[in-house]
C-alpha atoms as a PDB file:
ATOM      1  CA  MET A   1     183.585 160.759  80.041  1.00  0.00           C
ATOM      2  CA  THR A   2     185.432 158.830  82.751  1.00  0.00           C
ATOM      3  CA  PRO A   3     185.664 155.018  82.810  1.00  0.00           C
ATOM      4  CA  ILE A   4     183.422 154.925  85.912  1.00  0.00           C
ATOM      5  CA  GLU A   5     180.706 156.909  84.101  1.00  0.00           C
ATOM      6  CA  ILE A   6     180.896 154.557  81.097  1.00  0.00           C
ATOM      7  CA  VAL A   7     180.517 151.504  83.349  1.00  0.00           C
ATOM      8  CA  PHE A   8     177.552 153.113  85.085  1.00  0.00           C
ATOM      9  CA  ILE A   9     175.776 153.827  81.764  1.00  0.00           C
ATOM     10  CA  VAL A  10     176.400 150.277  80.477  1.00  0.00           C
ATOM     11  CA  CYS A  11     175.010 148.793  83.701  1.00  0.00           C
ATOM     12  CA  ALA A  12     171.937 151.029  83.488  1.00  0.00           C
ATOM     13  CA  ILE A  13     171.228 149.973  79.910  1.00  0.00           C
ATOM     14  CA  PHE A  14     171.716 146.295  80.800  1.00  0.00           C
ATOM     15  CA  GLY A  15     169.341 146.640  83.751  1.00  0.00           C
ATOM     16  CA  LEU A  16     166.708 148.269  81.524  1.00  0.00           C
ATOM     17  CA  LEU A  17     166.964 145.423  78.992  1.00  0.00           C
ATOM     18  CA  VAL A  18     166.588 142.820  81.742  1.00  0.00           C
ATOM     19  CA  ALA A  19     163.468 144.586  83.011  1.00  0.00           C
ATOM     20  CA  ILE A  20     161.916 144.668  79.520  1.00  0.00           C
ATOM     21  CA  VAL A  21     162.571 140.944  78.998  1.00  0.00           C
ATOM     22  CA  ALA A  22     161.094 140.108  82.419  1.00  0.00           C
ATOM     23  CA  ILE A  23     157.908 142.080  81.697  1.00  0.00           C
ATOM     24  CA  SER A  24     157.554 140.433  78.279  1.00  0.00           C
ATOM     25  CA  LEU A  25     157.860 136.938  79.763  1.00  0.00           C
ATOM     26  CA  ALA A  26     155.323 137.745  82.459  1.00  0.00           C
ATOM     27  CA  CYS A  27     152.810 138.921  79.840  1.00  0.00           C
ATOM     28  CA  ARG A  28     153.267 135.746  77.802  1.00  0.00           C
ATOM     29  CA  LYS A  29     152.569 133.570  80.826  1.00  0.00           C
ATOM     30  CA  LYS A  30     149.325 135.372  81.556  1.00  0.00           C
ATOM     31  CA  ARG A  31     148.100 135.552  77.968  1.00  0.00           C
ATOM     32  CA  PRO A  32     147.033 131.895  77.382  1.00  0.00           C
ATOM     33  CA  ASP A  33     144.766 131.805  80.447  1.00  0.00           C
ATOM     34  CA  SER A  34     143.193 135.139  79.685  1.00  0.00           C
ATOM     35  CA  LEU A  35     142.675 134.275  76.050  1.00  0.00           C
ATOM     36  CA  SER A  36     141.264 130.881  76.937  1.00  0.00           C
ATOM     37  CA  LYS A  37     138.768 132.416  79.331  1.00  0.00           C
ATOM     38  CA  ALA A  38     137.829 135.087  76.840  1.00  0.00           C
ATOM     39  CA  GLY A  39     137.373 132.502  74.123  1.00  0.00           C
ATOM     40  CA  GLN A  40     135.269 130.313  76.406  1.00  0.00           C
ATOM     41  CA  ASN A  41     133.076 133.230  77.363  1.00  0.00           C
ATOM     42  CA  HIS A  42     132.637 134.146  73.711  1.00  0.00           C
ATOM     43  CA  THR A  43     131.695 130.592  72.800  1.00  0.00           C
ATOM     44  CA  ASP A  44     129.235 130.285  75.654  1.00  0.00           C
ATOM     45  CA  SER A  45     127.512 133.566  74.906  1.00  0.00           C
ATOM     46  CA  SER A  46     127.534 133.448  71.122  1.00  0.00           C
ATOM     47  CA  ARG A  47     126.645 129.839  70.336  1.00  0.00           C
ATOM     48  CA  PRO A  48     123.029 129.824  69.195  1.00  0.00           C
ATOM     49  CA  SER A  49     120.480 127.771  71.043  1.00  0.00           C
ATOM     50  CA  LYS A  50     118.265 125.393  69.110  1.00  0.00           C
ATOM     51  CA  HIS A  51     115.707 128.065  68.252  1.00  0.00           C
ATOM     52  CA  SER A  52     117.687 131.320  68.307  1.00  0.00           C
ATOM     53  CA  PHE A  53     119.256 133.718  65.838  1.00  0.00           C
ATOM     54  CA  LEU A  54     122.205 135.999  66.518  1.00  0.00           C
ATOM     55  CA  PHE A  55     122.144 138.457  63.633  1.00  0.00           C
ATOM     56  CA  LYS A  56     122.083 142.209  64.077  1.00  0.00           C
ATOM     57  CA  PRO A  57     118.774 143.670  65.307  1.00  0.00           C
ATOM     58  CA  ILE A  58     116.780 145.190  62.484  1.00  0.00           C
ATOM     59  CA  LEU A  59     115.951 148.380  64.374  1.00  0.00           C
ATOM     60  CA  SER A  60     118.236 150.903  66.048  1.00  0.00           C
ATOM     61  CA  LYS A  61     117.456 152.618  69.317  1.00  0.00           C
ATOM     62  CA  GLY A  62     115.053 155.526  69.075  1.00  0.00           C
ATOM     63  CA  VAL A  63     113.218 154.243  66.022  1.00  0.00           C
ATOM     64  CA  ASP A  64     109.749 155.667  65.354  1.00  0.00           C
ATOM     65  CA  LEU A  65     107.188 155.451  62.575  1.00  0.00           C
ATOM     66  CA  SER A  66     108.750 158.378  60.731  1.00  0.00           C
ATOM     67  CA  ASN A  67     112.094 156.631  60.181  1.00  0.00           C
ATOM     68  CA  LEU A  68     111.014 152.979  60.348  1.00  0.00           C
ATOM     69  CA  GLU A  69     110.983 152.518  56.571  1.00  0.00           C
ATOM     70  CA  ASP A  70     114.570 153.717  56.271  1.00  0.00           C
ATOM     71  CA  GLU A  71     115.601 151.337  59.054  1.00  0.00           C
ATOM     72  CA  LEU A  72     114.038 148.379  57.258  1.00  0.00           C
ATOM     73  CA  ILE A  73     115.651 149.228  53.926  1.00  0.00           C
ATOM     74  CA  ILE A  74     119.077 149.510  55.574  1.00  0.00           C
ATOM     75  CA  ALA A  75     118.463 146.073  57.117  1.00  0.00           C
ATOM     76  CA  ASP A  76     118.157 144.501  53.620  1.00  0.00           C
ATOM     77  CA  VAL A  77     114.386 144.062  53.741  1.00  0.00           C
ATOM     78  CA  GLY A  78     113.991 145.717  50.340  1.00  0.00           C
ATOM     79  CA  VAL A  79     112.199 148.899  49.304  1.00  0.00           C
ATOM     80  CA  GLU A  80     108.786 147.483  48.400  1.00  0.00           C
ATOM     81  CA  LYS A  81     108.562 145.125  51.358  1.00  0.00           C
ATOM     82  CA  SER A  82     109.709 147.856  53.747  1.00  0.00           C
ATOM     83  CA  HIS A  83     106.993 150.198  52.489  1.00  0.00           C
ATOM     84  CA  GLU A  84     104.368 147.471  52.811  1.00  0.00           C
ATOM     85  CA  ILE A  85     105.358 146.703  56.417  1.00  0.00           C
ATOM     86  CA  VAL A  86     105.338 150.349  57.458  1.00  0.00           C
ATOM     87  CA  GLU A  87     101.893 150.929  55.952  1.00  0.00           C
ATOM     88  CA  LYS A  88     100.568 147.876  57.821  1.00  0.00           C
ATOM     89  CA  LEU A  89     101.992 149.071  61.119  1.00  0.00           C
ATOM     90  CA  LYS A  90     100.759 152.632  60.639  1.00  0.00           C
ATOM     91  CA  SER A  91      97.231 151.323  60.277  1.00  0.00           C
ATOM     92  CA  SER A  92      97.404 149.582  63.652  1.00  0.00           C
ATOM     93  CA  LEU A  93      99.588 151.923  65.721  1.00  0.00           C
ATOM     94  CA  PRO A  94      99.116 155.503  66.967  1.00  0.00           C
ATOM     95  CA  SER A  95     101.279 158.090  65.209  1.00  0.00           C
ATOM     96  CA  ASN A  96     103.259 158.670  68.417  1.00  0.00           C
ATOM     97  CA  ALA A  97     103.958 154.971  69.048  1.00  0.00           C
ATOM     98  CA  ASN A  98     107.141 154.453  71.041  1.00  0.00           C
ATOM     99  CA  GLU A  99     110.049 152.164  70.240  1.00  0.00           C
ATOM    100  CA  GLU A 100     108.768 149.213  72.267  1.00  0.00           C
ATOM    101  CA  GLU A 101     105.300 149.385  70.718  1.00  0.00           C
ATOM    102  CA  ILE A 102     106.808 149.430  67.224  1.00  0.00           C
ATOM    103  CA  LYS A 103     109.021 146.429  67.990  1.00  0.00           C
ATOM    104  CA  GLN A 104     106.113 144.422  69.384  1.00  0.00           C
ATOM    105  CA  ALA A 105     103.892 145.271  66.422  1.00  0.00           C
ATOM    106  CA  LEU A 106     106.645 144.420  63.942  1.00  0.00           C
ATOM    107  CA  GLN A 107     107.338 141.131  65.713  1.00  0.00           C
ATOM    108  CA  SER A 108     103.652 140.163  65.631  1.00  0.00           C
ATOM    109  CA  TYR A 109     103.417 141.075  61.940  1.00  0.00           C
ATOM    110  CA  LEU A 110     106.484 139.008  61.065  1.00  0.00           C
ATOM    111  CA  ILE A 111     105.292 135.968  63.010  1.00  0.00           C
ATOM    112  CA  SER A 112     101.837 136.022  61.441  1.00  0.00           C
ATOM    113  CA  THR A 113     103.206 136.574  57.924  1.00  0.00           C
ATOM    114  CA  LEU A 114     106.059 134.079  58.019  1.00  0.00           C
ATOM    115  CA  SER A 115     104.107 131.381  59.849  1.00  0.00           C
ATOM    116  CA  ALA A 116     101.490 131.280  57.092  1.00  0.00           C
ATOM    117  CA  VAL A 117     103.967 129.646  54.695  1.00  0.00           C
ATOM    118  CA  ASP A 118     104.620 125.900  54.493  1.00  0.00           C
ATOM    119  CA  ARG A 119     108.364 125.511  55.085  1.00  0.00           C
ATOM    120  CA  SER A 120     108.643 121.757  55.399  1.00  0.00           C
ATOM    121  CA  LEU A 121     111.002 119.807  53.159  1.00  0.00           C
ATOM    122  CA  LYS A 122     108.864 117.613  50.885  1.00  0.00           C
ATOM    123  CA  VAL A 123     110.898 114.427  51.191  1.00  0.00           C
ATOM    124  CA  GLN A 124     108.813 111.268  51.077  1.00  0.00           C
ATOM    125  CA  PRO A 125     109.529 108.979  54.030  1.00  0.00           C
ATOM    126  CA  ASP A 126     109.189 105.587  52.288  1.00  0.00           C
ATOM    127  CA  LYS A 127     110.084 106.394  48.702  1.00  0.00           C
ATOM    128  CA  ALA A 128     113.280 107.276  46.869  1.00  0.00           C
ATOM    129  CA  GLY A 129     113.742 110.932  46.005  1.00  0.00           C
ATOM    130  CA  ALA A 130     116.321 113.588  45.238  1.00  0.00           C
ATOM    131  CA  ILE A 131     117.338 117.059  46.363  1.00  0.00           C
ATOM    132  CA  ILE A 132     119.298 119.289  43.990  1.00  0.00           C
ATOM    133  CA  MET A 133     121.443 121.960  45.645  1.00  0.00           C
ATOM    134  CA  VAL A 134     122.313 125.114  43.700  1.00  0.00           C
ATOM    135  CA  GLY A 135     124.125 128.324  44.602  1.00  0.00           C
ATOM    136  CA  VAL A 136     127.254 130.330  43.893  1.00  0.00           C
ATOM    137  CA  ASN A 137     130.678 129.178  44.997  1.00  0.00           C
ATOM    138  CA  GLY A 138     131.332 130.296  48.548  1.00  0.00           C
ATOM    139  CA  SER A 139     127.685 130.356  49.641  1.00  0.00           C
ATOM    140  CA  GLY A 140     128.061 127.234  51.779  1.00  0.00           C
ATOM    141  CA  LYS A 141     126.371 124.896  49.296  1.00  0.00           C
ATOM    142  CA  THR A 142     128.662 121.882  49.732  1.00  0.00           C
ATOM    143  CA  THR A 143     128.703 122.267  53.502  1.00  0.00           C
ATOM    144  CA  SER A 144     124.905 122.511  53.527  1.00  0.00           C
ATOM    145  CA  ALA A 145     124.711 119.330  51.445  1.00  0.00           C
ATOM    146  CA  GLY A 146     126.813 117.540  54.044  1.00  0.00           C
ATOM    147  CA  LYS A 147     124.672 118.862  56.883  1.00  0.00           C
ATOM    148  CA  LEU A 148     121.495 117.839  55.074  1.00  0.00           C
ATOM    149  CA  ALA A 149     122.947 114.347  54.800  1.00  0.00           C
ATOM    150  CA  LYS A 150     123.151 114.183  58.573  1.00  0.00           C
ATOM    151  CA  TYR A 151     119.698 115.733  58.967  1.00  0.00           C
ATOM    152  CA  PHE A 152     117.995 113.098  56.814  1.00  0.00           C
ATOM    153  CA  LYS A 153     120.131 110.177  57.956  1.00  0.00           C
ATOM    154  CA  ASP A 154     118.976 110.967  61.496  1.00  0.00           C
ATOM    155  CA  GLN A 155     115.422 110.619  60.154  1.00  0.00           C
ATOM    156  CA  GLY A 156     116.133 107.149  58.813  1.00  0.00           C
ATOM    157  CA  LYS A 157     116.815 107.895  55.143  1.00  0.00           C
ATOM    158  CA  ASP A 158     119.534 106.080  53.181  1.00  0.00           C
ATOM    159  CA  VAL A 159     121.393 109.171  51.997  1.00  0.00           C
ATOM    160  CA  VAL A 160     123.569 109.240  48.883  1.00  0.00           C
ATOM    161  CA  LEU A 161     125.650 112.330  48.087  1.00  0.00           C
ATOM    162  CA  ALA A 162     126.473 113.118  44.454  1.00  0.00           C
ATOM    163  CA  ALA A 163     129.565 115.276  43.921  1.00  0.00           C
ATOM    164  CA  CYS A 164     128.546 117.015  40.689  1.00  0.00           C
ATOM    165  CA  ASP A 165     130.821 120.037  40.997  1.00  0.00           C
ATOM    166  CA  THR A 166     133.620 118.619  38.858  1.00  0.00           C
ATOM    167  CA  PHE A 167     135.182 122.003  38.097  1.00  0.00           C
ATOM    168  CA  ARG A 168     136.035 123.477  41.499  1.00  0.00           C
ATOM    169  CA  PRO A 169     139.251 122.013  42.912  1.00  0.00           C
ATOM    170  CA  ALA A 170     138.676 119.994  46.100  1.00  0.00           C
ATOM    171  CA  ALA A 171     134.863 120.191  45.863  1.00  0.00           C
ATOM    172  CA  GLY A 172     134.605 116.403  45.585  1.00  0.00           C
ATOM    173  CA  GLU A 173     137.099 115.894  48.403  1.00  0.00           C
ATOM    174  CA  GLN A 174     135.133 118.260  50.639  1.00  0.00           C
ATOM    175  CA  LEU A 175     131.901 116.351  50.037  1.00  0.00           C
ATOM    176  CA  GLU A 176     133.646 113.014  50.542  1.00  0.00           C
ATOM    177  CA  ILE A 177     134.831 114.163  53.955  1.00  0.00           C
ATOM    178  CA  TRP A 178     131.217 114.869  54.850  1.00  0.00           C
ATOM    179  CA  ALA A 179     130.144 111.457  53.525  1.00  0.00           C
ATOM    180  CA  GLN A 180     132.748 109.689  55.659  1.00  0.00           C
ATOM    181  CA  LYS A 181     131.909 111.799  58.685  1.00  0.00           C
ATOM    182  CA  GLU A 182     128.181 111.076  58.467  1.00  0.00           C
ATOM    183  CA  GLY A 183     128.530 107.475  57.274  1.00  0.00           C
ATOM    184  CA  VAL A 184     126.648 107.911  53.984  1.00  0.00           C
ATOM    185  CA  LYS A 185     127.397 106.852  50.411  1.00  0.00           C
ATOM    186  CA  ILE A 186     128.887 109.184  47.821  1.00  0.00           C
ATOM    187  CA  ALA A 187     129.062 109.159  44.019  1.00  0.00           C
ATOM    188  CA  ARG A 188     132.105 110.902  42.532  1.00  0.00           C
ATOM    189  CA  GLY A 189     133.691 111.314  39.149  1.00  0.00           C
ATOM    190  CA  LYS A 190     136.865 112.804  37.757  1.00  0.00           C
ATOM    191  CA  MET A 191     137.733 116.476  37.456  1.00  0.00           C
ATOM    192  CA  GLY A 192     136.055 117.899  34.368  1.00  0.00           C
ATOM    193  CA  GLN A 193     133.667 114.951  33.968  1.00  0.00           C
ATOM    194  CA  ASP A 194     130.126 115.673  32.799  1.00  0.00           C
ATOM    195  CA  PRO A 195     128.258 116.348  36.085  1.00  0.00           C
ATOM    196  CA  ALA A 196     125.003 115.007  34.667  1.00  0.00           C
ATOM    197  CA  SER A 197     126.597 111.593  34.101  1.00  0.00           C
ATOM    198  CA  ILE A 198     127.504 111.396  37.804  1.00  0.00           C
ATOM    199  CA  ALA A 199     124.012 112.429  38.848  1.00  0.00           C
ATOM    200  CA  PHE A 200     122.416 109.904  36.471  1.00  0.00           C
ATOM    201  CA  SER A 201     124.641 107.070  37.677  1.00  0.00           C
ATOM    202  CA  ALA A 202     123.864 107.844  41.318  1.00  0.00           C
ATOM    203  CA  ALA A 203     120.122 108.134  40.662  1.00  0.00           C
ATOM    204  CA  SER A 204     120.157 104.772  38.866  1.00  0.00           C
ATOM    205  CA  GLN A 205     121.386 102.952  41.963  1.00  0.00           C
ATOM    206  CA  LEU A 206     118.970 104.229  44.594  1.00  0.00           C
ATOM    207  CA  GLY A 207     117.021 101.920  46.863  1.00  0.00           C
ATOM    208  CA  PRO A 208     113.371 102.368  47.921  1.00  0.00           C
ATOM    209  CA  ASN A 209     114.327 104.436  50.998  1.00  0.00           C
ATOM    210  CA  SER A 210     117.165 106.377  49.400  1.00  0.00           C
ATOM    211  CA  LEU A 211     117.566 110.140  49.218  1.00  0.00           C
ATOM    212  CA  LEU A 212     119.993 111.532  46.654  1.00  0.00           C
ATOM    213  CA  ILE A 213     121.500 114.927  47.510  1.00  0.00           C
ATOM    214  CA  VAL A 214     123.155 116.482  44.453  1.00  0.00           C
ATOM    215  CA  ASP A 215     125.866 119.094  45.009  1.00  0.00           C
ATOM    216  CA  THR A 216     126.362 121.232  41.900  1.00  0.00           C
ATOM    217  CA  ALA A 217     128.785 123.837  40.574  1.00  0.00           C
ATOM    218  CA  GLY A 218     128.273 127.549  41.110  1.00  0.00           C
ATOM    219  CA  ARG A 219     130.641 129.397  38.803  1.00  0.00           C
ATOM    220  CA  LEU A 220     128.604 132.403  37.680  1.00  0.00           C
ATOM    221  CA  GLN A 221     131.454 133.660  35.506  1.00  0.00           C
ATOM    222  CA  THR A 222     130.244 131.099  32.939  1.00  0.00           C
ATOM    223  CA  LYS A 223     126.576 131.774  33.534  1.00  0.00           C
ATOM    224  CA  GLN A 224     124.979 130.206  30.462  1.00  0.00           C
ATOM    225  CA  ASN A 225     127.119 127.064  30.647  1.00  0.00           C
ATOM    226  CA  LEU A 226     126.206 126.701  34.305  1.00  0.00           C
ATOM    227  CA  LEU A 227     122.482 127.097  33.674  1.00  0.00           C
ATOM    228  CA  ASP A 228     122.617 124.548  30.856  1.00  0.00           C
ATOM    229  CA  GLU A 229     124.491 122.156  33.119  1.00  0.00           C
ATOM    230  CA  LEU A 230     121.954 122.488  35.942  1.00  0.00           C
ATOM    231  CA  SER A 231     119.037 121.984  33.568  1.00  0.00           C
ATOM    232  CA  LYS A 232     120.679 118.815  32.214  1.00  0.00           C
ATOM    233  CA  ILE A 233     121.253 117.448  35.738  1.00  0.00           C
ATOM    234  CA  ARG A 234     117.586 118.003  36.541  1.00  0.00           C
ATOM    235  CA  ARG A 235     116.446 116.228  33.370  1.00  0.00           C
ATOM    236  CA  VAL A 236     118.595 113.121  33.845  1.00  0.00           C
ATOM    237  CA  VAL A 237     117.760 112.759  37.539  1.00  0.00           C
ATOM    238  CA  GLU A 238     114.034 113.045  36.796  1.00  0.00           C
ATOM    239  CA  LYS A 239     114.329 110.067  34.458  1.00  0.00           C
ATOM    240  CA  LYS A 240     115.196 107.855  37.430  1.00  0.00           C
ATOM    241  CA  VAL A 241     113.683 109.401  40.535  1.00  0.00           C
ATOM    242  CA  GLN A 242     111.352 112.166  41.651  1.00  0.00           C
ATOM    243  CA  ILE A 243     113.043 115.436  42.573  1.00  0.00           C
ATOM    244  CA  ASP A 244     111.561 116.329  45.943  1.00  0.00           C
ATOM    245  CA  GLU A 245     113.320 119.669  46.379  1.00  0.00           C
ATOM    246  CA  SER A 246     115.423 122.119  44.379  1.00  0.00           C
ATOM    247  CA  LEU A 247     117.109 124.203  47.049  1.00  0.00           C
ATOM    248  CA  LEU A 248     118.973 127.454  46.500  1.00  0.00           C
ATOM    249  CA  VAL A 249     121.745 128.103  49.024  1.00  0.00           C
ATOM    250  CA  LEU A 250     122.264 131.800  49.755  1.00  0.00           C
ATOM    251  CA  ASP A 251     124.825 133.496  51.970  1.00  0.00           C
ATOM    252  CA  ALA A 252     122.806 135.860  54.183  1.00  0.00           C
ATOM    253  CA  THR A 253     125.735 138.280  54.386  1.00  0.00           C
ATOM    254  CA  PHE A 254     125.363 138.988  50.649  1.00  0.00           C
ATOM    255  CA  GLY A 255     122.314 141.155  51.410  1.00  0.00           C
ATOM    256  CA  GLN A 256     120.523 142.419  48.326  1.00  0.00           C
ATOM    257  CA  ASN A 257     123.051 140.651  46.073  1.00  0.00           C
ATOM    258  CA  ALA A 258     121.323 137.437  47.089  1.00  0.00           C
ATOM    259  CA  LEU A 259     118.304 138.544  45.052  1.00  0.00           C
ATOM    260  CA  SER A 260     120.255 138.630  41.798  1.00  0.00           C
ATOM    261  CA  GLN A 261     121.643 135.164  42.518  1.00  0.00           C
ATOM    262  CA  ALA A 262     118.158 133.784  43.141  1.00  0.00           C
ATOM    263  CA  LYS A 263     116.975 135.267  39.856  1.00  0.00           C
ATOM    264  CA  ILE A 264     119.793 133.615  37.899  1.00  0.00           C
ATOM    265  CA  PHE A 265     119.347 130.131  39.356  1.00  0.00           C
ATOM    266  CA  SER A 266     115.571 130.230  38.995  1.00  0.00           C
ATOM    267  CA  GLN A 267     116.161 130.306  35.235  1.00  0.00           C
ATOM    268  CA  ALA A 268     117.727 126.832  35.338  1.00  0.00           C
ATOM    269  CA  LEU A 269     115.217 124.938  37.445  1.00  0.00           C
ATOM    270  CA  PRO A 270     112.077 125.605  39.484  1.00  0.00           C
ATOM    271  CA  LEU A 271     113.206 126.462  42.995  1.00  0.00           C
ATOM    272  CA  THR A 272     111.173 124.963  45.837  1.00  0.00           C
ATOM    273  CA  GLY A 273     113.023 126.394  48.796  1.00  0.00           C
ATOM    274  CA  ILE A 274     115.975 128.351  50.111  1.00  0.00           C
ATOM    275  CA  ILE A 275     118.721 127.491  52.567  1.00  0.00           C
ATOM    276  CA  LEU A 276     120.040 130.688  54.107  1.00  0.00           C
ATOM    277  CA  THR A 277     123.530 130.293  55.538  1.00  0.00           C
ATOM    278  CA  LYS A 278     125.585 132.392  57.978  1.00  0.00           C
ATOM    279  CA  LEU A 279     122.646 133.660  60.035  1.00  0.00           C
ATOM    280  CA  ASP A 280     125.015 133.676  62.997  1.00  0.00           C
ATOM    281  CA  GLY A 281     125.775 137.279  63.829  1.00  0.00           C
ATOM    282  CA  SER A 282     127.340 138.880  60.767  1.00  0.00           C
ATOM    283  CA  CYS A 283     124.237 139.571  58.659  1.00  0.00           C
ATOM    284  CA  LYS A 284     121.264 141.894  59.059  1.00  0.00           C
ATOM    285  CA  GLY A 285     118.576 139.233  58.614  1.00  0.00           C
ATOM    286  CA  GLY A 286     116.141 141.302  56.590  1.00  0.00           C
ATOM    287  CA  VAL A 287     117.237 139.509  53.434  1.00  0.00           C
ATOM    288  CA  VAL A 288     114.886 136.656  54.423  1.00  0.00           C
ATOM    289  CA  LEU A 289     111.911 138.938  53.846  1.00  0.00           C
ATOM    290  CA  ALA A 290     113.352 140.395  50.648  1.00  0.00           C
ATOM    291  CA  VAL A 291     114.034 137.025  49.016  1.00  0.00           C
ATOM    292  CA  GLU A 292     110.633 135.611  49.853  1.00  0.00           C
ATOM    293  CA  GLU A 293     108.891 138.780  48.661  1.00  0.00           C
ATOM    294  CA  GLU A 294     110.777 138.800  45.359  1.00  0.00           C
ATOM    295  CA  PHE A 295     110.457 135.140  44.382  1.00  0.00           C
ATOM    296  CA  GLY A 296     107.711 133.646  46.502  1.00  0.00           C
ATOM    297  CA  VAL A 297     110.090 130.835  47.492  1.00  0.00           C
ATOM    298  CA  PRO A 298     110.168 130.031  51.212  1.00  0.00           C
ATOM    299  CA  VAL A 299     113.281 129.878  53.361  1.00  0.00           C
ATOM    300  CA  LYS A 300     113.163 126.298  54.619  1.00  0.00           C
ATOM    301  CA  MET A 301     116.481 125.793  56.392  1.00  0.00           C
ATOM    302  CA  VAL A 302     118.986 128.147  57.968  1.00  0.00           C
ATOM    303  CA  GLY A 303     122.628 127.811  58.903  1.00  0.00           C
ATOM    304  CA  VAL A 304     123.327 129.297  62.329  1.00  0.00           C
ATOM    305  CA  GLY A 305     126.845 128.024  62.992  1.00  0.00           C
ATOM    306  CA  GLU A 306     129.705 125.792  61.906  1.00  0.00           C
ATOM    307  CA  GLY A 307     128.591 122.595  63.645  1.00  0.00           C
ATOM    308  CA  GLU A 308     127.121 119.654  61.747  1.00  0.00           C
ATOM    309  CA  SER A 309     123.811 120.152  63.573  1.00  0.00           C
ATOM    310  CA  ASP A 310     123.687 123.906  62.944  1.00  0.00           C
ATOM    311  CA  LEU A 311     121.547 123.580  59.817  1.00  0.00           C
ATOM    312  CA  ARG A 312     117.999 123.786  61.112  1.00  0.00           C
ATOM    313  CA  PRO A 313     114.416 124.236  59.964  1.00  0.00           C
ATOM    314  CA  PHE A 314     113.515 127.913  59.726  1.00  0.00           C
ATOM    315  CA  ASN A 315     111.581 128.974  62.826  1.00  0.00           C
ATOM    316  CA  PRO A 316     109.476 132.116  62.081  1.00  0.00           C
ATOM    317  CA  GLU A 317     108.849 132.985  65.728  1.00  0.00           C
ATOM    318  CA  ALA A 318     112.500 132.732  66.718  1.00  0.00           C
ATOM    319  CA  PHE A 319     113.462 134.699  63.611  1.00  0.00           C
ATOM    320  CA  ALA A 320     111.001 137.497  64.369  1.00  0.00           C
ATOM    321  CA  LYS A 321     112.181 137.756  67.965  1.00  0.00           C
ATOM    322  CA  GLY A 322     115.821 137.796  66.918  1.00  0.00           C
ATOM    323  CA  LEU A 323     115.163 140.448  64.305  1.00  0.00           C
ATOM    324  CA  THR A 324     113.379 142.791  66.709  1.00  0.00           C
ATOM    325  CA  GLN A 325     115.376 142.173  69.893  1.00  0.00           C
END
């Protein structure tokens, strides 16, 4: 190979490298704008409105009465409830009902069934009371407690948060951040402290318009200890103030596993309602029907996003429309 040929090859390689670098820099310059626009479009289209749900539709395209029961079971409705719904619809629809007719009939059934239940939170407006929050770690329990603090503060209640999960690292810090953010009081103890002592101390200092929201532990790996702890918290709080609500926080993406969680926590205290979190696009939604069918405990609040105002009263009509869209 002659010196001229070597120089030519080196120049060609150098030119190729320069071209690659130039293309890479051009792509980097374009990427922020395109990503920003894509992110903005995603936010605009996916953020739920005040009365909307964004979970996956319960029915697939082409559904008919012959495969409806399977569709409902897959959507986490549960076997018994799915069978009951299908039998109801079969009695009111022709055997050759099309997809749109089935969706409309299912929507009407869901609205009439779910609307018949009282889903209001039984917090007395001019009297001190307490809400005990239970649920497994990771279900969104502490976050829901913080959001409830805002919800009731906006209604004029003097909210006090009690950080009674003294076993999970940073649980107290997380709740304190919410207390500072919402401008409400918080009762905290030390790591490993008896949670019931914190709850009792907080309940002893309530005013006539106060609402105590008790955040508890959720470590199911020590099931019996946890149930004993929750029962003790309930007993000591009841000595000082009426417990208005015992709310179970469930992650909607857990599907049928949520049923086993509800069963465990119902052994510790009488549940009065359910907060269903993460109803924002990643779950199937049918778990609402399954949980209520299994335990007769109404879903009262739902989490539909990450914002502090994204914990909202459960709206049966919006739910039914979102489920059958």
